[in-house]
Amino acid sequence: MEKSSDSHCPSCDDALWAKLTLFAELNRDELQTLLHQSSREHFAAGTKIISFGDEGYCMYVILRGSARVTVPSAEGEVELAVLQAGDFFGEIALVDDGPRTADVTALEDCELLCITRMTLGVLAGLQPGAAIHLLASIGRALVSRLRVGHRKYMDLLSHPA
């Protein structure tokens, strides 16, 4: 893994930032503040980015590449999702101190934006509206994921194997 705190992302032009729905409500100034406070991390294909049960300290936004989300099971592992550029993961670490709830592995070389609780705290001090918009976006995504999980759970209850 390679880390960089450079806020300018040469491989991430305005068109890419515009596609990232997580940042859709941020204006250019707010986005630049967030990027300046965040770091970028690079992971080679096949590298485990986060591990189930580990302590989480940040969330990641995929800027380039793709990653696979899995959880351990009695049969090995279960794939929960394949994430692409624009997707994010690890956001629960911004909310509580609990362990990571899944493994995430780079399927191809990945460039990730790392956003920590401290990043959010600084953003809230410098650009309070941006912090509110970002947290609201994360909240909407969490609720959406919860609804999908709830539907799957209800389907399992309705149609036991």
N, C-alpha and C. Protein backbone atom coordinates (compact mmCIF):
# COMPACT_ATOMS: atom_id res chain seq x y z
N MET A 1 0.85 -1.17 0.00
CA MET A 1 0.00 0.00 0.00
C MET A 1 0.90 1.23 0.00
N GLU A 2 0.52 2.17 -0.83
CA GLU A 2 1.25 3.44 -0.90
C GLU A 2 0.30 4.54 -0.47
N LYS A 3 0.79 5.45 0.39
CA LYS A 3 -0.04 6.56 0.88
C LYS A 3 0.44 7.87 0.30
N SER A 4 -0.50 8.79 0.12
CA SER A 4 -0.17 10.12 -0.35
C SER A 4 -1.15 11.09 0.27
N SER A 5 -0.65 12.23 0.72
CA SER A 5 -1.56 13.23 1.29
C SER A 5 -1.78 14.39 0.32
N ASP A 6 -1.30 14.23 -0.91
CA ASP A 6 -1.48 15.26 -1.93
C ASP A 6 -2.95 15.44 -2.21
N SER A 7 -3.46 16.64 -2.05
CA SER A 7 -4.90 16.87 -2.24
C SER A 7 -5.28 16.93 -3.71
N HIS A 8 -4.31 17.15 -4.60
CA HIS A 8 -4.62 17.16 -6.02
C HIS A 8 -4.47 15.75 -6.55
N CYS A 9 -5.44 15.30 -7.25
CA CYS A 9 -5.45 13.93 -7.74
C CYS A 9 -5.38 13.97 -9.26
N PRO A 10 -4.19 13.83 -9.88
CA PRO A 10 -4.06 13.98 -11.31
C PRO A 10 -4.92 13.01 -12.10
N SER A 11 -5.14 11.82 -11.56
CA SER A 11 -5.95 10.85 -12.30
C SER A 11 -7.44 11.06 -12.07
N CYS A 12 -7.80 12.03 -11.25
CA CYS A 12 -9.20 12.27 -10.90
C CYS A 12 -9.58 13.67 -11.35
N ASP A 13 -10.05 13.80 -12.57
CA ASP A 13 -10.42 15.11 -13.07
C ASP A 13 -11.82 15.50 -12.60
N ASP A 14 -12.23 16.69 -12.97
CA ASP A 14 -13.54 17.19 -12.54
C ASP A 14 -14.67 16.26 -12.96
N ALA A 15 -14.53 15.61 -14.12
CA ALA A 15 -15.58 14.70 -14.58
C ALA A 15 -15.75 13.54 -13.60
N LEU A 16 -14.64 13.01 -13.08
CA LEU A 16 -14.75 11.93 -12.11
C LEU A 16 -15.40 12.42 -10.82
N TRP A 17 -14.93 13.55 -10.30
CA TRP A 17 -15.51 14.06 -9.05
C TRP A 17 -17.00 14.29 -9.21
N ALA A 18 -17.42 14.76 -10.39
CA ALA A 18 -18.85 15.02 -10.63
C ALA A 18 -19.67 13.73 -10.60
N LYS A 19 -19.06 12.60 -10.94
CA LYS A 19 -19.76 11.32 -10.95
C LYS A 19 -19.91 10.71 -9.56
N LEU A 20 -19.12 11.18 -8.61
CA LEU A 20 -19.15 10.58 -7.28
C LEU A 20 -20.35 11.12 -6.51
N THR A 21 -21.40 10.32 -6.44
CA THR A 21 -22.65 10.77 -5.81
C THR A 21 -22.44 11.14 -4.35
N LEU A 22 -21.46 10.52 -3.70
CA LEU A 22 -21.18 10.84 -2.31
C LEU A 22 -20.88 12.32 -2.13
N PHE A 23 -20.27 12.93 -3.14
CA PHE A 23 -19.86 14.33 -3.07
C PHE A 23 -20.76 15.25 -3.88
N ALA A 24 -21.89 14.75 -4.35
CA ALA A 24 -22.75 15.50 -5.26
C ALA A 24 -23.23 16.84 -4.69
N GLU A 25 -23.42 16.91 -3.39
CA GLU A 25 -23.95 18.14 -2.78
C GLU A 25 -22.86 19.12 -2.37
N LEU A 26 -21.60 18.75 -2.58
CA LEU A 26 -20.49 19.64 -2.21
C LEU A 26 -20.14 20.55 -3.38
N ASN A 27 -19.92 21.82 -3.09
CA ASN A 27 -19.45 22.70 -4.15
C ASN A 27 -17.93 22.51 -4.30
N ARG A 28 -17.36 23.13 -5.30
CA ARG A 28 -15.94 22.95 -5.61
C ARG A 28 -15.03 23.31 -4.42
N ASP A 29 -15.35 24.38 -3.72
CA ASP A 29 -14.58 24.82 -2.56
C ASP A 29 -14.63 23.77 -1.44
N GLU A 30 -15.83 23.28 -1.16
CA GLU A 30 -16.02 22.28 -0.11
C GLU A 30 -15.28 20.99 -0.46
N LEU A 31 -15.38 20.59 -1.72
CA LEU A 31 -14.70 19.38 -2.17
C LEU A 31 -13.18 19.53 -2.03
N GLN A 32 -12.66 20.68 -2.41
CA GLN A 32 -11.22 20.91 -2.27
C GLN A 32 -10.79 20.86 -0.80
N THR A 33 -11.61 21.39 0.10
CA THR A 33 -11.30 21.33 1.53
C THR A 33 -11.25 19.88 1.99
N LEU A 34 -12.24 19.09 1.58
CA LEU A 34 -12.27 17.68 1.95
C LEU A 34 -11.04 16.95 1.41
N LEU A 35 -10.71 17.18 0.15
CA LEU A 35 -9.56 16.51 -0.46
C LEU A 35 -8.26 16.90 0.22
N HIS A 36 -8.15 18.15 0.61
CA HIS A 36 -6.94 18.63 1.28
C HIS A 36 -6.77 17.96 2.64
N GLN A 37 -7.87 17.63 3.31
CA GLN A 37 -7.83 17.02 4.64
C GLN A 37 -7.73 15.50 4.58
N SER A 38 -7.95 14.92 3.41
CA SER A 38 -7.95 13.46 3.25
C SER A 38 -6.62 13.00 2.67
N SER A 39 -6.44 11.70 2.64
CA SER A 39 -5.25 11.14 1.99
C SER A 39 -5.71 10.14 0.94
N ARG A 40 -4.81 9.86 0.02
CA ARG A 40 -5.06 8.84 -1.00
C ARG A 40 -4.18 7.64 -0.67
N GLU A 41 -4.73 6.46 -0.90
CA GLU A 41 -3.98 5.24 -0.70
C GLU A 41 -4.09 4.39 -1.95
N HIS A 42 -3.01 3.71 -2.28
CA HIS A 42 -2.97 2.86 -3.47
C HIS A 42 -2.77 1.42 -3.03
N PHE A 43 -3.55 0.50 -3.59
CA PHE A 43 -3.45 -0.92 -3.29
C PHE A 43 -3.33 -1.68 -4.59
N ALA A 44 -2.39 -2.61 -4.64
CA ALA A 44 -2.21 -3.45 -5.82
C ALA A 44 -3.31 -4.51 -5.87
N ALA A 45 -3.60 -4.98 -7.07
CA ALA A 45 -4.59 -6.04 -7.26
C ALA A 45 -4.23 -7.22 -6.36
N GLY A 46 -5.25 -7.79 -5.70
CA GLY A 46 -5.05 -8.94 -4.82
C GLY A 46 -4.74 -8.58 -3.38
N THR A 47 -4.49 -7.32 -3.10
CA THR A 47 -4.16 -6.88 -1.75
C THR A 47 -5.43 -6.71 -0.91
N LYS A 48 -5.38 -7.21 0.33
CA LYS A 48 -6.51 -7.01 1.23
C LYS A 48 -6.43 -5.59 1.76
N ILE A 49 -7.51 -4.83 1.57
CA ILE A 49 -7.56 -3.43 1.98
C ILE A 49 -7.97 -3.32 3.45
N ILE A 50 -9.04 -4.01 3.80
CA ILE A 50 -9.46 -4.10 5.20
C ILE A 50 -9.81 -5.55 5.50
N SER A 51 -9.70 -5.91 6.77
CA SER A 51 -9.96 -7.28 7.20
C SER A 51 -11.07 -7.33 8.23
N PHE A 52 -11.94 -8.31 8.08
CA PHE A 52 -13.02 -8.58 9.02
C PHE A 52 -12.44 -8.64 10.43
N GLY A 53 -13.07 -7.92 11.36
CA GLY A 53 -12.68 -7.96 12.76
C GLY A 53 -11.63 -6.94 13.16
N ASP A 54 -10.91 -6.37 12.19
CA ASP A 54 -9.89 -5.37 12.52
C ASP A 54 -10.54 -4.07 12.98
N GLU A 55 -9.78 -3.28 13.69
CA GLU A 55 -10.25 -1.95 14.09
C GLU A 55 -10.30 -1.06 12.85
N GLY A 56 -11.37 -0.29 12.74
CA GLY A 56 -11.50 0.62 11.61
C GLY A 56 -11.18 2.04 12.03
N TYR A 57 -10.49 2.76 11.18
CA TYR A 57 -10.18 4.16 11.49
C TYR A 57 -10.64 5.12 10.41
N CYS A 58 -11.09 4.58 9.27
CA CYS A 58 -11.51 5.47 8.19
C CYS A 58 -12.47 4.75 7.26
N MET A 59 -13.09 5.54 6.38
CA MET A 59 -13.85 4.98 5.27
C MET A 59 -13.04 5.24 4.01
N TYR A 60 -13.30 4.48 2.98
CA TYR A 60 -12.61 4.63 1.71
C TYR A 60 -13.60 4.91 0.59
N VAL A 61 -13.20 5.77 -0.33
CA VAL A 61 -13.95 6.02 -1.55
C VAL A 61 -13.07 5.53 -2.69
N ILE A 62 -13.61 4.68 -3.55
CA ILE A 62 -12.82 4.16 -4.67
C ILE A 62 -12.77 5.21 -5.76
N LEU A 63 -11.57 5.69 -6.04
CA LEU A 63 -11.36 6.67 -7.12
C LEU A 63 -11.05 5.98 -8.43
N ARG A 64 -10.33 4.87 -8.34
CA ARG A 64 -9.95 4.11 -9.52
C ARG A 64 -9.80 2.65 -9.11
N GLY A 65 -10.29 1.74 -9.95
CA GLY A 65 -10.17 0.32 -9.67
C GLY A 65 -11.46 -0.30 -9.19
N SER A 66 -11.36 -1.53 -8.70
CA SER A 66 -12.53 -2.23 -8.17
C SER A 66 -12.08 -3.11 -7.01
N ALA A 67 -13.04 -3.46 -6.16
CA ALA A 67 -12.74 -4.25 -4.96
C ALA A 67 -13.89 -5.19 -4.67
N ARG A 68 -13.58 -6.27 -3.99
CA ARG A 68 -14.55 -7.30 -3.64
C ARG A 68 -14.77 -7.29 -2.14
N VAL A 69 -16.05 -7.30 -1.73
CA VAL A 69 -16.42 -7.31 -0.31
C VAL A 69 -16.90 -8.72 0.04
N THR A 70 -16.29 -9.32 1.05
CA THR A 70 -16.66 -10.68 1.47
C THR A 70 -16.74 -10.76 2.99
N VAL A 71 -17.45 -11.77 3.47
CA VAL A 71 -17.48 -12.08 4.89
C VAL A 71 -17.16 -13.57 5.05
N PRO A 72 -16.49 -13.90 6.15
CA PRO A 72 -16.20 -15.31 6.38
C PRO A 72 -17.47 -16.10 6.68
N SER A 73 -17.49 -17.35 6.26
CA SER A 73 -18.62 -18.24 6.57
C SER A 73 -18.07 -19.64 6.81
N ALA A 74 -18.93 -20.53 7.23
CA ALA A 74 -18.52 -21.91 7.50
C ALA A 74 -17.96 -22.57 6.23
N GLU A 75 -18.45 -22.13 5.07
CA GLU A 75 -18.01 -22.72 3.79
C GLU A 75 -16.83 -21.98 3.18
N GLY A 76 -16.31 -20.99 3.83
CA GLY A 76 -15.18 -20.21 3.29
C GLY A 76 -15.46 -18.73 3.37
N GLU A 77 -16.06 -18.19 2.34
CA GLU A 77 -16.43 -16.78 2.36
C GLU A 77 -17.63 -16.55 1.45
N VAL A 78 -18.38 -15.51 1.75
CA VAL A 78 -19.55 -15.14 0.97
C VAL A 78 -19.29 -13.76 0.38
N GLU A 79 -19.48 -13.63 -0.91
CA GLU A 79 -19.31 -12.33 -1.56
C GLU A 79 -20.56 -11.49 -1.33
N LEU A 80 -20.34 -10.28 -0.80
CA LEU A 80 -21.45 -9.36 -0.57
C LEU A 80 -21.61 -8.38 -1.71
N ALA A 81 -20.48 -7.96 -2.30
CA ALA A 81 -20.55 -6.95 -3.35
C ALA A 81 -19.22 -6.85 -4.09
N VAL A 82 -19.32 -6.34 -5.30
CA VAL A 82 -18.14 -5.90 -6.05
C VAL A 82 -18.31 -4.40 -6.23
N LEU A 83 -17.33 -3.65 -5.76
CA LEU A 83 -17.41 -2.19 -5.78
C LEU A 83 -16.53 -1.61 -6.88
N GLN A 84 -17.00 -0.52 -7.47
CA GLN A 84 -16.30 0.14 -8.58
C GLN A 84 -15.97 1.58 -8.18
N ALA A 85 -15.30 2.29 -9.08
CA ALA A 85 -15.00 3.71 -8.86
C ALA A 85 -16.29 4.45 -8.54
N GLY A 86 -16.25 5.25 -7.49
CA GLY A 86 -17.42 6.00 -7.03
C GLY A 86 -18.09 5.38 -5.83
N ASP A 87 -17.87 4.08 -5.62
CA ASP A 87 -18.43 3.40 -4.45
C ASP A 87 -17.55 3.66 -3.24
N PHE A 88 -18.11 3.42 -2.06
CA PHE A 88 -17.33 3.60 -0.84
C PHE A 88 -17.63 2.47 0.13
N PHE A 89 -16.72 2.28 1.09
CA PHE A 89 -16.87 1.22 2.09
C PHE A 89 -16.13 1.63 3.36
N GLY A 90 -16.45 0.94 4.44
CA GLY A 90 -15.79 1.22 5.72
C GLY A 90 -16.38 2.39 6.48
N GLU A 91 -17.52 2.88 6.01
CA GLU A 91 -18.11 4.08 6.61
C GLU A 91 -18.58 3.86 8.04
N ILE A 92 -18.80 2.62 8.44
CA ILE A 92 -19.22 2.36 9.81
C ILE A 92 -18.14 2.82 10.79
N ALA A 93 -16.88 2.80 10.36
CA ALA A 93 -15.78 3.25 11.22
C ALA A 93 -15.91 4.72 11.59
N LEU A 94 -16.65 5.49 10.82
CA LEU A 94 -16.86 6.90 11.15
C LEU A 94 -17.91 7.08 12.24
N VAL A 95 -18.69 6.02 12.47
CA VAL A 95 -19.82 6.11 13.39
C VAL A 95 -19.54 5.45 14.74
N ASP A 96 -18.87 4.30 14.72
CA ASP A 96 -18.60 3.62 15.99
C ASP A 96 -17.20 3.03 16.02
N ASP A 97 -16.82 2.52 17.18
CA ASP A 97 -15.48 1.95 17.36
C ASP A 97 -15.47 0.43 17.20
N GLY A 98 -16.54 -0.12 16.66
CA GLY A 98 -16.61 -1.57 16.50
C GLY A 98 -15.66 -2.08 15.42
N PRO A 99 -15.51 -3.39 15.36
CA PRO A 99 -14.60 -3.98 14.38
C PRO A 99 -15.15 -3.91 12.95
N ARG A 100 -14.26 -4.06 11.98
CA ARG A 100 -14.68 -4.12 10.58
C ARG A 100 -15.62 -5.28 10.39
N THR A 101 -16.64 -5.10 9.56
CA THR A 101 -17.68 -6.12 9.38
C THR A 101 -17.48 -6.97 8.13
N ALA A 102 -16.42 -6.73 7.38
CA ALA A 102 -16.17 -7.51 6.16
C ALA A 102 -14.70 -7.37 5.75
N ASP A 103 -14.29 -8.26 4.86
CA ASP A 103 -13.00 -8.13 4.18
C ASP A 103 -13.25 -7.38 2.89
N VAL A 104 -12.31 -6.54 2.49
CA VAL A 104 -12.38 -5.89 1.18
C VAL A 104 -11.02 -6.08 0.53
N THR A 105 -11.03 -6.65 -0.68
CA THR A 105 -9.82 -6.99 -1.41
C THR A 105 -9.83 -6.30 -2.76
N ALA A 106 -8.71 -5.72 -3.14
CA ALA A 106 -8.59 -5.06 -4.45
C ALA A 106 -8.64 -6.13 -5.55
N LEU A 107 -9.56 -5.97 -6.49
CA LEU A 107 -9.63 -6.86 -7.65
C LEU A 107 -8.66 -6.42 -8.73
N GLU A 108 -8.40 -5.13 -8.76
CA GLU A 108 -7.42 -4.56 -9.67
C GLU A 108 -6.73 -3.43 -8.90
N ASP A 109 -5.69 -2.88 -9.45
CA ASP A 109 -5.02 -1.78 -8.76
C ASP A 109 -6.05 -0.71 -8.41
N CYS A 110 -6.01 -0.26 -7.16
CA CYS A 110 -7.01 0.70 -6.67
C CYS A 110 -6.34 1.97 -6.15
N GLU A 111 -6.99 3.07 -6.41
CA GLU A 111 -6.65 4.35 -5.79
C GLU A 111 -7.86 4.73 -4.95
N LEU A 112 -7.63 4.93 -3.64
CA LEU A 112 -8.72 5.18 -2.70
C LEU A 112 -8.51 6.50 -1.98
N LEU A 113 -9.61 7.17 -1.69
CA LEU A 113 -9.58 8.35 -0.84
C LEU A 113 -9.92 7.88 0.57
N CYS A 114 -9.07 8.20 1.53
CA CYS A 114 -9.25 7.79 2.93
C CYS A 114 -9.80 8.98 3.71
N ILE A 115 -11.00 8.80 4.30
CA ILE A 115 -11.64 9.84 5.09
C ILE A 115 -11.77 9.33 6.52
N THR A 116 -11.14 10.03 7.45
CA THR A 116 -11.15 9.62 8.87
C THR A 116 -12.15 10.46 9.65
N ARG A 117 -12.37 10.09 10.91
CA ARG A 117 -13.20 10.91 11.79
C ARG A 117 -12.58 12.29 11.96
N MET A 118 -11.26 12.33 12.04
CA MET A 118 -10.57 13.61 12.18
C MET A 118 -10.81 14.48 10.94
N THR A 119 -10.78 13.86 9.77
CA THR A 119 -11.08 14.58 8.53
C THR A 119 -12.45 15.23 8.63
N LEU A 120 -13.43 14.46 9.08
CA LEU A 120 -14.79 15.00 9.22
C LEU A 120 -14.85 16.12 10.24
N GLY A 121 -14.13 15.96 11.34
CA GLY A 121 -14.10 17.01 12.37
C GLY A 121 -13.51 18.30 11.85
N VAL A 122 -12.41 18.20 11.12
CA VAL A 122 -11.78 19.39 10.53
C VAL A 122 -12.71 20.00 9.50
N LEU A 123 -13.32 19.15 8.65
CA LEU A 123 -14.26 19.65 7.64
C LEU A 123 -15.41 20.39 8.31
N ALA A 124 -15.93 19.84 9.42
CA ALA A 124 -17.03 20.49 10.14
C ALA A 124 -16.63 21.86 10.65
N GLY A 125 -15.37 22.01 11.06
CA GLY A 125 -14.90 23.30 11.55
C GLY A 125 -14.68 24.30 10.43
N LEU A 126 -14.18 23.82 9.28
CA LEU A 126 -13.86 24.72 8.17
C LEU A 126 -15.06 24.98 7.25
N GLN A 127 -15.82 23.94 7.01
CA GLN A 127 -16.97 24.01 6.08
C GLN A 127 -18.13 23.21 6.68
N PRO A 128 -18.81 23.75 7.68
CA PRO A 128 -19.87 22.99 8.37
C PRO A 128 -20.93 22.43 7.43
N GLY A 129 -21.32 23.20 6.44
CA GLY A 129 -22.34 22.73 5.49
C GLY A 129 -21.87 21.51 4.73
N ALA A 130 -20.59 21.49 4.37
CA ALA A 130 -20.03 20.35 3.63
C ALA A 130 -20.06 19.09 4.48
N ALA A 131 -19.71 19.22 5.76
CA ALA A 131 -19.73 18.06 6.66
C ALA A 131 -21.15 17.51 6.79
N ILE A 132 -22.12 18.40 6.90
CA ILE A 132 -23.52 17.97 7.00
C ILE A 132 -23.95 17.25 5.73
N HIS A 133 -23.61 17.81 4.57
CA HIS A 133 -23.98 17.18 3.29
C HIS A 133 -23.31 15.81 3.15
N LEU A 134 -22.04 15.73 3.50
CA LEU A 134 -21.32 14.46 3.39
C LEU A 134 -21.93 13.41 4.31
N LEU A 135 -22.18 13.77 5.57
CA LEU A 135 -22.78 12.82 6.50
C LEU A 135 -24.19 12.41 6.07
N ALA A 136 -24.93 13.34 5.51
CA ALA A 136 -26.27 13.00 5.01
C ALA A 136 -26.17 12.01 3.84
N SER A 137 -25.21 12.20 2.96
CA SER A 137 -25.00 11.27 1.84
C SER A 137 -24.64 9.88 2.34
N ILE A 138 -23.73 9.84 3.31
CA ILE A 138 -23.34 8.55 3.89
C ILE A 138 -24.55 7.90 4.55
N GLY A 139 -25.34 8.70 5.29
CA GLY A 139 -26.54 8.18 5.94
C GLY A 139 -27.54 7.60 4.95
N ARG A 140 -27.76 8.31 3.84
CA ARG A 140 -28.69 7.79 2.82
C ARG A 140 -28.20 6.47 2.25
N ALA A 141 -26.90 6.36 2.01
CA ALA A 141 -26.34 5.11 1.49
C ALA A 141 -26.49 3.98 2.50
N LEU A 142 -26.24 4.27 3.78
CA LEU A 142 -26.40 3.25 4.83
C LEU A 142 -27.85 2.77 4.92
N VAL A 143 -28.78 3.70 4.85
CA VAL A 143 -30.20 3.33 4.91
C VAL A 143 -30.57 2.47 3.71
N SER A 144 -30.08 2.84 2.54
CA SER A 144 -30.35 2.05 1.34
C SER A 144 -29.81 0.63 1.49
N ARG A 145 -28.58 0.51 1.99
CA ARG A 145 -27.99 -0.82 2.20
C ARG A 145 -28.78 -1.60 3.25
N LEU A 146 -29.23 -0.94 4.28
CA LEU A 146 -30.03 -1.58 5.32
C LEU A 146 -31.35 -2.09 4.74
N ARG A 147 -31.97 -1.30 3.89
CA ARG A 147 -33.24 -1.73 3.27
C ARG A 147 -33.04 -2.96 2.39
N VAL A 148 -31.96 -2.98 1.63
CA VAL A 148 -31.67 -4.15 0.78
C VAL A 148 -31.45 -5.37 1.66
N GLY A 149 -30.66 -5.22 2.71
CA GLY A 149 -30.41 -6.33 3.64
C GLY A 149 -31.68 -6.80 4.31
N HIS A 150 -32.53 -5.88 4.68
CA HIS A 150 -33.80 -6.24 5.32
C HIS A 150 -34.69 -7.02 4.36
N ARG A 151 -34.74 -6.59 3.09
CA ARG A 151 -35.54 -7.33 2.09
C ARG A 151 -35.02 -8.76 1.94
N LYS A 152 -33.70 -8.92 1.87
CA LYS A 152 -33.12 -10.27 1.74
C LYS A 152 -33.46 -11.11 2.97
N TYR A 153 -33.38 -10.52 4.13
CA TYR A 153 -33.71 -11.22 5.37
C TYR A 153 -35.17 -11.65 5.36
N MET A 154 -36.06 -10.75 4.97
CA MET A 154 -37.48 -11.07 4.91
C MET A 154 -37.76 -12.17 3.88
N ASP A 155 -37.05 -12.13 2.76
CA ASP A 155 -37.20 -13.18 1.76
C ASP A 155 -36.78 -14.54 2.31
N LEU A 156 -35.71 -14.56 3.10
CA LEU A 156 -35.25 -15.80 3.71
C LEU A 156 -36.29 -16.35 4.69
N LEU A 157 -36.91 -15.45 5.46
CA LEU A 157 -37.94 -15.86 6.41
C LEU A 157 -39.18 -16.38 5.69
N SER A 158 -39.51 -15.78 4.56
CA SER A 158 -40.69 -16.15 3.80
C SER A 158 -40.50 -17.46 3.04
N HIS A 159 -39.26 -17.73 2.65
CA HIS A 159 -38.96 -18.91 1.82
C HIS A 159 -37.79 -19.69 2.43
N PRO A 160 -38.00 -20.33 3.58
CA PRO A 160 -36.88 -21.07 4.20
C PRO A 160 -36.41 -22.21 3.30
N ALA A 161 -35.14 -22.51 3.36
CA ALA A 161 -34.56 -23.57 2.51
C ALA A 161 -34.99 -24.95 2.96
